[in-house]
Amino acid sequence: FAIVFGLIGVGLWLWMAWANGKGRKWARVVATVFGVINVLSFLFVITAGSATTPSLIVSVLSVLVGVAALFYLYRPDASQFYSAASSR
């Protein structure tokens, strides 16, 4: 179950990376929603108290990568990229 959802999550993030690389403004919003869901699921895993050490490590890494990606998606130079891409 976890493997299937993990693979789906990886596929969605790869799709967002591709769409954001093309300068699609909607992809930045969708990636933000995915990032918020990622953080909320991480908080759920922590508060549930049933997380194993490996799953906790994977969750922390996932949140860190997601937050870093969102940081770069909202930098001023990224906004210029999206504006230029939408005008093409």
PDB file of N, CA and C in Angstrom:
ATOM      1  N   PHE A   1       0.828  -1.194   0.000  1.00  0.00           N
ATOM      2  CA  PHE A   1       0.000   0.000   0.000  1.00  0.00           C
ATOM      3  C   PHE A   1       0.874   1.260   0.000  1.00  0.00           C
ATOM      4  N   ALA A   2       1.851   1.291   0.891  1.00  0.00           N
ATOM      5  CA  ALA A   2       2.738   2.448   0.986  1.00  0.00           C
ATOM      6  C   ALA A   2       3.591   2.591  -0.272  1.00  0.00           C
ATOM      7  N   ILE A   3       4.005   1.468  -0.841  1.00  0.00           N
ATOM      8  CA  ILE A   3       4.831   1.514  -2.051  1.00  0.00           C
ATOM      9  C   ILE A   3       4.037   2.085  -3.222  1.00  0.00           C
ATOM     10  N   VAL A   4       2.784   1.658  -3.357  1.00  0.00           N
ATOM     11  CA  VAL A   4       1.941   2.147  -4.453  1.00  0.00           C
ATOM     12  C   VAL A   4       1.723   3.651  -4.317  1.00  0.00           C
ATOM     13  N   PHE A   5       1.376   4.101  -3.109  1.00  0.00           N
ATOM     14  CA  PHE A   5       1.162   5.533  -2.912  1.00  0.00           C
ATOM     15  C   PHE A   5       2.459   6.309  -3.071  1.00  0.00           C
ATOM     16  N   GLY A   6       3.567   5.720  -2.665  1.00  0.00           N
ATOM     17  CA  GLY A   6       4.860   6.361  -2.845  1.00  0.00           C
ATOM     18  C   GLY A   6       5.189   6.553  -4.316  1.00  0.00           C
ATOM     19  N   LEU A   7       4.924   5.527  -5.117  1.00  0.00           N
ATOM     20  CA  LEU A   7       5.182   5.627  -6.561  1.00  0.00           C
ATOM     21  C   LEU A   7       4.259   6.634  -7.232  1.00  0.00           C
ATOM     22  N   ILE A   8       3.012   6.677  -6.790  1.00  0.00           N
ATOM     23  CA  ILE A   8       2.082   7.682  -7.316  1.00  0.00           C
ATOM     24  C   ILE A   8       2.580   9.084  -6.968  1.00  0.00           C
ATOM     25  N   GLY A   9       3.032   9.259  -5.732  1.00  0.00           N
ATOM     26  CA  GLY A   9       3.564  10.553  -5.313  1.00  0.00           C
ATOM     27  C   GLY A   9       4.776  10.968  -6.124  1.00  0.00           C
ATOM     28  N   VAL A  10       5.683  10.031  -6.358  1.00  0.00           N
ATOM     29  CA  VAL A  10       6.863  10.331  -7.179  1.00  0.00           C
ATOM     30  C   VAL A  10       6.441  10.720  -8.584  1.00  0.00           C
ATOM     31  N   GLY A  11       5.479   9.993  -9.136  1.00  0.00           N
ATOM     32  CA  GLY A  11       4.996  10.311 -10.484  1.00  0.00           C
ATOM     33  C   GLY A  11       4.376  11.700 -10.559  1.00  0.00           C
ATOM     34  N   LEU A  12       3.603  12.065  -9.542  1.00  0.00           N
ATOM     35  CA  LEU A  12       2.989  13.398  -9.532  1.00  0.00           C
ATOM     36  C   LEU A  12       4.038  14.497  -9.416  1.00  0.00           C
ATOM     37  N   TRP A  13       5.056  14.275  -8.576  1.00  0.00           N
ATOM     38  CA  TRP A  13       6.114  15.275  -8.441  1.00  0.00           C
ATOM     39  C   TRP A  13       6.919  15.395  -9.722  1.00  0.00           C
ATOM     40  N   LEU A  14       7.153  14.285 -10.400  1.00  0.00           N
ATOM     41  CA  LEU A  14       7.870  14.347 -11.680  1.00  0.00           C
ATOM     42  C   LEU A  14       7.052  15.091 -12.729  1.00  0.00           C
ATOM     43  N   TRP A  15       5.752  14.864 -12.721  1.00  0.00           N
ATOM     44  CA  TRP A  15       4.861  15.579 -13.627  1.00  0.00           C
ATOM     45  C   TRP A  15       4.913  17.086 -13.336  1.00  0.00           C
ATOM     46  N   MET A  16       4.912  17.447 -12.044  1.00  0.00           N
ATOM     47  CA  MET A  16       4.991  18.855 -11.675  1.00  0.00           C
ATOM     48  C   MET A  16       6.335  19.447 -12.086  1.00  0.00           C
ATOM     49  N   ALA A  17       7.409  18.694 -11.948  1.00  0.00           N
ATOM     50  CA  ALA A  17       8.728  19.178 -12.364  1.00  0.00           C
ATOM     51  C   ALA A  17       8.738  19.443 -13.871  1.00  0.00           C
ATOM     52  N   TRP A  18       8.164  18.537 -14.632  1.00  0.00           N
ATOM     53  CA  TRP A  18       8.100  18.705 -16.084  1.00  0.00           C
ATOM     54  C   TRP A  18       7.268  19.934 -16.449  1.00  0.00           C
ATOM     55  N   ALA A  19       6.072  20.045 -15.842  1.00  0.00           N
ATOM     56  CA  ALA A  19       5.173  21.160 -16.169  1.00  0.00           C
ATOM     57  C   ALA A  19       5.766  22.495 -15.722  1.00  0.00           C
ATOM     58  N   ASN A  20       6.398  22.523 -14.556  1.00  0.00           N
ATOM     59  CA  ASN A  20       7.034  23.758 -14.106  1.00  0.00           C
ATOM     60  C   ASN A  20       8.219  24.114 -14.983  1.00  0.00           C
ATOM     61  N   GLY A  21       8.929  23.116 -15.468  1.00  0.00           N
ATOM     62  CA  GLY A  21      10.037  23.359 -16.377  1.00  0.00           C
ATOM     63  C   GLY A  21       9.583  23.976 -17.690  1.00  0.00           C
ATOM     64  N   LYS A  22       8.339  23.711 -18.065  1.00  0.00           N
ATOM     65  CA  LYS A  22       7.761  24.312 -19.270  1.00  0.00           C
ATOM     66  C   LYS A  22       7.195  25.705 -18.997  1.00  0.00           C
ATOM     67  N   GLY A  23       7.195  26.130 -17.720  1.00  0.00           N
ATOM     68  CA  GLY A  23       6.702  27.460 -17.368  1.00  0.00           C
ATOM     69  C   GLY A  23       5.200  27.558 -17.218  1.00  0.00           C
ATOM     70  N   ARG A  24       4.545  26.444 -16.940  1.00  0.00           N
ATOM     71  CA  ARG A  24       3.091  26.450 -16.747  1.00  0.00           C
ATOM     72  C   ARG A  24       2.760  27.027 -15.363  1.00  0.00           C
ATOM     73  N   LYS A  25       2.041  28.140 -15.357  1.00  0.00           N
ATOM     74  CA  LYS A  25       1.713  28.787 -14.081  1.00  0.00           C
ATOM     75  C   LYS A  25       0.846  27.905 -13.189  1.00  0.00           C
ATOM     76  N   TRP A  26      -0.066  27.149 -13.777  1.00  0.00           N
ATOM     77  CA  TRP A  26      -0.934  26.285 -12.990  1.00  0.00           C
ATOM     78  C   TRP A  26      -0.125  25.217 -12.259  1.00  0.00           C
ATOM     79  N   ALA A  27       1.002  24.820 -12.823  1.00  0.00           N
ATOM     80  CA  ALA A  27       1.812  23.766 -12.204  1.00  0.00           C
ATOM     81  C   ALA A  27       2.440  24.253 -10.905  1.00  0.00           C
ATOM     82  N   ARG A  28       2.740  25.525 -10.823  1.00  0.00           N
ATOM     83  CA  ARG A  28       3.289  26.065  -9.579  1.00  0.00           C
ATOM     84  C   ARG A  28       2.242  25.997  -8.476  1.00  0.00           C
ATOM     85  N   VAL A  29       0.993  26.282  -8.814  1.00  0.00           N
ATOM     86  CA  VAL A  29      -0.088  26.214  -7.836  1.00  0.00           C
ATOM     87  C   VAL A  29      -0.329  24.761  -7.408  1.00  0.00           C
ATOM     88  N   VAL A  30      -0.361  23.854  -8.371  1.00  0.00           N
ATOM     89  CA  VAL A  30      -0.588  22.442  -8.058  1.00  0.00           C
ATOM     90  C   VAL A  30       0.565  21.892  -7.222  1.00  0.00           C
ATOM     91  N   ALA A  31       1.790  22.280  -7.542  1.00  0.00           N
ATOM     92  CA  ALA A  31       2.944  21.839  -6.747  1.00  0.00           C
ATOM     93  C   ALA A  31       2.849  22.372  -5.322  1.00  0.00           C
ATOM     94  N   THR A  32       2.325  23.574  -5.164  1.00  0.00           N
ATOM     95  CA  THR A  32       2.129  24.134  -3.827  1.00  0.00           C
ATOM     96  C   THR A  32       1.109  23.318  -3.050  1.00  0.00           C
ATOM     97  N   VAL A  33       0.030  22.939  -3.710  1.00  0.00           N
ATOM     98  CA  VAL A  33      -0.983  22.097  -3.050  1.00  0.00           C
ATOM     99  C   VAL A  33      -0.373  20.757  -2.655  1.00  0.00           C
ATOM    100  N   PHE A  34       0.405  20.157  -3.555  1.00  0.00           N
ATOM    101  CA  PHE A  34       1.078  18.896  -3.221  1.00  0.00           C
ATOM    102  C   PHE A  34       2.033  19.081  -2.043  1.00  0.00           C
ATOM    103  N   GLY A  35       2.729  20.210  -2.001  1.00  0.00           N
ATOM    104  CA  GLY A  35       3.646  20.479  -0.898  1.00  0.00           C
ATOM    105  C   GLY A  35       2.923  20.606   0.432  1.00  0.00           C
ATOM    106  N   VAL A  36       1.787  21.290   0.424  1.00  0.00           N
ATOM    107  CA  VAL A  36       0.992  21.429   1.651  1.00  0.00           C
ATOM    108  C   VAL A  36       0.476  20.066   2.102  1.00  0.00           C
ATOM    109  N   ILE A  37      -0.006  19.263   1.161  1.00  0.00           N
ATOM    110  CA  ILE A  37      -0.457  17.910   1.502  1.00  0.00           C
ATOM    111  C   ILE A  37       0.697  17.100   2.073  1.00  0.00           C
ATOM    112  N   ASN A  38       1.877  17.253   1.508  1.00  0.00           N
ATOM    113  CA  ASN A  38       3.058  16.545   1.986  1.00  0.00           C
ATOM    114  C   ASN A  38       3.381  16.926   3.432  1.00  0.00           C
ATOM    115  N   VAL A  39       3.350  18.222   3.731  1.00  0.00           N
ATOM    116  CA  VAL A  39       3.630  18.682   5.094  1.00  0.00           C
ATOM    117  C   VAL A  39       2.557  18.187   6.056  1.00  0.00           C
ATOM    118  N   LEU A  40       1.298  18.257   5.657  1.00  0.00           N
ATOM    119  CA  LEU A  40       0.220  17.791   6.522  1.00  0.00           C
ATOM    120  C   LEU A  40       0.310  16.292   6.789  1.00  0.00           C
ATOM    121  N   SER A  41       0.654  15.525   5.764  1.00  0.00           N
ATOM    122  CA  SER A  41       0.794  14.082   5.987  1.00  0.00           C
ATOM    123  C   SER A  41       1.983  13.791   6.885  1.00  0.00           C
ATOM    124  N   PHE A  42       3.049  14.582   6.778  1.00  0.00           N
ATOM    125  CA  PHE A  42       4.198  14.434   7.664  1.00  0.00           C
ATOM    126  C   PHE A  42       3.778  14.708   9.108  1.00  0.00           C
ATOM    127  N   LEU A  43       3.028  15.776   9.319  1.00  0.00           N
ATOM    128  CA  LEU A  43       2.551  16.086  10.669  1.00  0.00           C
ATOM    129  C   LEU A  43       1.648  14.978  11.207  1.00  0.00           C
ATOM    130  N   PHE A  44       0.833  14.388  10.340  1.00  0.00           N
ATOM    131  CA  PHE A  44      -0.016  13.284  10.746  1.00  0.00           C
ATOM    132  C   PHE A  44       0.824  12.076  11.171  1.00  0.00           C
ATOM    133  N   VAL A  45       1.860  11.771  10.407  1.00  0.00           N
ATOM    134  CA  VAL A  45       2.734  10.635  10.737  1.00  0.00           C
ATOM    135  C   VAL A  45       3.395  10.855  12.090  1.00  0.00           C
ATOM    136  N   ILE A  46       3.839  12.076  12.345  1.00  0.00           N
ATOM    137  CA  ILE A  46       4.502  12.363  13.614  1.00  0.00           C
ATOM    138  C   ILE A  46       3.520  12.274  14.788  1.00  0.00           C
ATOM    139  N   THR A  47       2.343  12.854  14.621  1.00  0.00           N
ATOM    140  CA  THR A  47       1.390  12.869  15.733  1.00  0.00           C
ATOM    141  C   THR A  47       0.747  11.513  15.975  1.00  0.00           C
ATOM    142  N   ALA A  48       0.698  10.669  14.957  1.00  0.00           N
ATOM    143  CA  ALA A  48       0.114   9.343  15.135  1.00  0.00           C
ATOM    144  C   ALA A  48       0.989   8.488  16.045  1.00  0.00           C
ATOM    145  N   GLY A  49       2.283   8.734  16.034  1.00  0.00           N
ATOM    146  CA  GLY A  49       3.184   8.018  16.919  1.00  0.00           C
ATOM    147  C   GLY A  49       3.509   6.599  16.508  1.00  0.00           C
ATOM    148  N   SER A  50       3.062   6.184  15.342  1.00  0.00           N
ATOM    149  CA  SER A  50       3.301   4.808  14.911  1.00  0.00           C
ATOM    150  C   SER A  50       4.363   4.710  13.826  1.00  0.00           C
ATOM    151  N   ALA A  51       5.090   5.796  13.606  1.00  0.00           N
ATOM    152  CA  ALA A  51       6.084   5.821  12.534  1.00  0.00           C
ATOM    153  C   ALA A  51       7.331   5.045  12.941  1.00  0.00           C
ATOM    154  N   THR A  52       7.822   4.266  12.016  1.00  0.00           N
ATOM    155  CA  THR A  52       9.084   3.587  12.236  1.00  0.00           C
ATOM    156  C   THR A  52      10.211   4.551  11.865  1.00  0.00           C
ATOM    157  N   THR A  53      11.402   4.245  12.291  1.00  0.00           N
ATOM    158  CA  THR A  53      12.537   5.122  11.993  1.00  0.00           C
ATOM    159  C   THR A  53      12.753   5.293  10.492  1.00  0.00           C
ATOM    160  N   PRO A  54      12.725   4.220   9.688  1.00  0.00           N
ATOM    161  CA  PRO A  54      12.902   4.430   8.245  1.00  0.00           C
ATOM    162  C   PRO A  54      11.806   5.291   7.622  1.00  0.00           C
ATOM    163  N   SER A  55      10.551   5.077   8.019  1.00  0.00           N
ATOM    164  CA  SER A  55       9.475   5.884   7.436  1.00  0.00           C
ATOM    165  C   SER A  55       9.573   7.332   7.893  1.00  0.00           C
ATOM    166  N   LEU A  56      10.044   7.550   9.094  1.00  0.00           N
ATOM    167  CA  LEU A  56      10.223   8.910   9.588  1.00  0.00           C
ATOM    168  C   LEU A  56      11.334   9.614   8.817  1.00  0.00           C
ATOM    169  N   ILE A  57      12.414   8.910   8.538  1.00  0.00           N
ATOM    170  CA  ILE A  57      13.523   9.488   7.773  1.00  0.00           C
ATOM    171  C   ILE A  57      13.062   9.847   6.362  1.00  0.00           C
ATOM    172  N   VAL A  58      12.329   8.936   5.726  1.00  0.00           N
ATOM    173  CA  VAL A  58      11.817   9.197   4.378  1.00  0.00           C
ATOM    174  C   VAL A  58      10.855  10.385   4.396  1.00  0.00           C
ATOM    175  N   SER A  59      10.018  10.464   5.411  1.00  0.00           N
ATOM    176  CA  SER A  59       9.073  11.577   5.516  1.00  0.00           C
ATOM    177  C   SER A  59       9.789  12.904   5.689  1.00  0.00           C
ATOM    178  N   VAL A  60      10.815  12.930   6.535  1.00  0.00           N
ATOM    179  CA  VAL A  60      11.568  14.166   6.750  1.00  0.00           C
ATOM    180  C   VAL A  60      12.254  14.595   5.457  1.00  0.00           C
ATOM    181  N   LEU A  61      12.892  13.655   4.772  1.00  0.00           N
ATOM    182  CA  LEU A  61      13.553  13.984   3.510  1.00  0.00           C
ATOM    183  C   LEU A  61      12.554  14.485   2.469  1.00  0.00           C
ATOM    184  N   SER A  62      11.405  13.855   2.421  1.00  0.00           N
ATOM    185  CA  SER A  62      10.373  14.260   1.471  1.00  0.00           C
ATOM    186  C   SER A  62       9.901  15.683   1.739  1.00  0.00           C
ATOM    187  N   VAL A  63       9.686  16.004   2.995  1.00  0.00           N
ATOM    188  CA  VAL A  63       9.248  17.360   3.343  1.00  0.00           C
ATOM    189  C   VAL A  63      10.345  18.370   3.021  1.00  0.00           C
ATOM    190  N   LEU A  64      11.580  18.040   3.337  1.00  0.00           N
ATOM    191  CA  LEU A  64      12.676  18.969   3.056  1.00  0.00           C
ATOM    192  C   LEU A  64      12.824  19.237   1.563  1.00  0.00           C
ATOM    193  N   VAL A  65      12.736  18.203   0.756  1.00  0.00           N
ATOM    194  CA  VAL A  65      12.840  18.372  -0.698  1.00  0.00           C
ATOM    195  C   VAL A  65      11.654  19.179  -1.221  1.00  0.00           C
ATOM    196  N   GLY A  66      10.454  18.886  -0.720  1.00  0.00           N
ATOM    197  CA  GLY A  66       9.266  19.614  -1.153  1.00  0.00           C
ATOM    198  C   GLY A  66       9.320  21.095  -0.794  1.00  0.00           C
ATOM    199  N   VAL A  67       9.756  21.392   0.425  1.00  0.00           N
ATOM    200  CA  VAL A  67       9.855  22.793   0.856  1.00  0.00           C
ATOM    201  C   VAL A  67      10.930  23.519   0.045  1.00  0.00           C
ATOM    202  N   ALA A  68      12.050  22.840  -0.213  1.00  0.00           N
ATOM    203  CA  ALA A  68      13.101  23.460  -1.029  1.00  0.00           C
ATOM    204  C   ALA A  68      12.597  23.733  -2.447  1.00  0.00           C
ATOM    205  N   ALA A  69      11.865  22.793  -3.015  1.00  0.00           N
ATOM    206  CA  ALA A  69      11.321  22.989  -4.363  1.00  0.00           C
ATOM    207  C   ALA A  69      10.365  24.181  -4.394  1.00  0.00           C
ATOM    208  N   LEU A  70       9.505  24.277  -3.391  1.00  0.00           N
ATOM    209  CA  LEU A  70       8.563  25.397  -3.351  1.00  0.00           C
ATOM    210  C   LEU A  70       9.287  26.723  -3.151  1.00  0.00           C
ATOM    211  N   PHE A  71      10.342  26.711  -2.370  1.00  0.00           N
ATOM    212  CA  PHE A  71      11.132  27.925  -2.193  1.00  0.00           C
ATOM    213  C   PHE A  71      11.648  28.421  -3.546  1.00  0.00           C
ATOM    214  N   TYR A  72      12.190  27.514  -4.331  1.00  0.00           N
ATOM    215  CA  TYR A  72      12.737  27.905  -5.634  1.00  0.00           C
ATOM    216  C   TYR A  72      11.645  28.263  -6.638  1.00  0.00           C
ATOM    217  N   LEU A  73      10.457  27.680  -6.495  1.00  0.00           N
ATOM    218  CA  LEU A  73       9.370  28.010  -7.414  1.00  0.00           C
ATOM    219  C   LEU A  73       8.837  29.422  -7.217  1.00  0.00           C
ATOM    220  N   TYR A  74       9.055  29.990  -6.034  1.00  0.00           N
ATOM    221  CA  TYR A  74       8.512  31.310  -5.748  1.00  0.00           C
ATOM    222  C   TYR A  74       9.576  32.395  -5.644  1.00  0.00           C
ATOM    223  N   ARG A  75      10.777  32.102  -6.057  1.00  0.00           N
ATOM    224  CA  ARG A  75      11.817  33.131  -6.094  1.00  0.00           C
ATOM    225  C   ARG A  75      11.488  34.128  -7.211  1.00  0.00           C
ATOM    226  N   PRO A  76      11.986  35.363  -7.092  1.00  0.00           N
ATOM    227  CA  PRO A  76      11.695  36.371  -8.127  1.00  0.00           C
ATOM    228  C   PRO A  76      12.121  35.946  -9.531  1.00  0.00           C
ATOM    229  N   ASP A  77      13.257  35.286  -9.648  1.00  0.00           N
ATOM    230  CA  ASP A  77      13.682  34.870 -10.986  1.00  0.00           C
ATOM    231  C   ASP A  77      12.756  33.801 -11.558  1.00  0.00           C
ATOM    232  N   ALA A  78      12.169  32.987 -10.694  1.00  0.00           N
ATOM    233  CA  ALA A  78      11.205  31.996 -11.168  1.00  0.00           C
ATOM    234  C   ALA A  78       9.935  32.692 -11.659  1.00  0.00           C
ATOM    235  N   SER A  79       9.513  33.729 -10.948  1.00  0.00           N
ATOM    236  CA  SER A  79       8.332  34.479 -11.384  1.00  0.00           C
ATOM    237  C   SER A  79       8.562  35.116 -12.750  1.00  0.00           C
ATOM    238  N   GLN A  80       9.774  35.609 -12.978  1.00  0.00           N
ATOM    239  CA  GLN A  80      10.101  36.171 -14.287  1.00  0.00           C
ATOM    240  C   GLN A  80      10.053  35.095 -15.362  1.00  0.00           C
ATOM    241  N   PHE A  81      10.527  33.901 -15.026  1.00  0.00           N
ATOM    242  CA  PHE A  81      10.500  32.778 -15.965  1.00  0.00           C
ATOM    243  C   PHE A  81       9.068  32.428 -16.351  1.00  0.00           C
ATOM    244  N   TYR A  82       8.168  32.356 -15.362  1.00  0.00           N
ATOM    245  CA  TYR A  82       6.771  32.032 -15.655  1.00  0.00           C
ATOM    246  C   TYR A  82       6.119  33.122 -16.492  1.00  0.00           C
ATOM    247  N   SER A  83       6.432  34.388 -16.203  1.00  0.00           N
ATOM    248  CA  SER A  83       5.866  35.482 -16.993  1.00  0.00           C
ATOM    249  C   SER A  83       6.348  35.419 -18.436  1.00  0.00           C
ATOM    250  N   ALA A  84       7.631  35.147 -18.614  1.00  0.00           N
ATOM    251  CA  ALA A  84       8.174  35.047 -19.970  1.00  0.00           C
ATOM    252  C   ALA A  84       7.609  33.852 -20.718  1.00  0.00           C
ATOM    253  N   ALA A  85       7.441  32.738 -20.017  1.00  0.00           N
ATOM    254  CA  ALA A  85       6.915  31.534 -20.644  1.00  0.00           C
ATOM    255  C   ALA A  85       5.447  31.701 -21.035  1.00  0.00           C
ATOM    256  N   SER A  86       4.679  32.425 -20.218  1.00  0.00           N
ATOM    257  CA  SER A  86       3.257  32.598 -20.543  1.00  0.00           C
ATOM    258  C   SER A  86       3.051  33.585 -21.682  1.00  0.00           C
ATOM    259  N   SER A  87       4.018  34.477 -21.910  1.00  0.00           N
ATOM    260  CA  SER A  87       3.872  35.423 -23.007  1.00  0.00           C
ATOM    261  C   SER A  87       4.268  34.827 -24.350  1.00  0.00           C
ATOM    262  N   ARG A  88       4.901  33.653 -24.325  1.00  0.00           N
ATOM    263  CA  ARG A  88       5.284  32.981 -25.584  1.00  0.00           C
ATOM    264  C   ARG A  88       4.112  32.330 -26.226  1.00  0.00           C
TER     265      ARG A  88
END
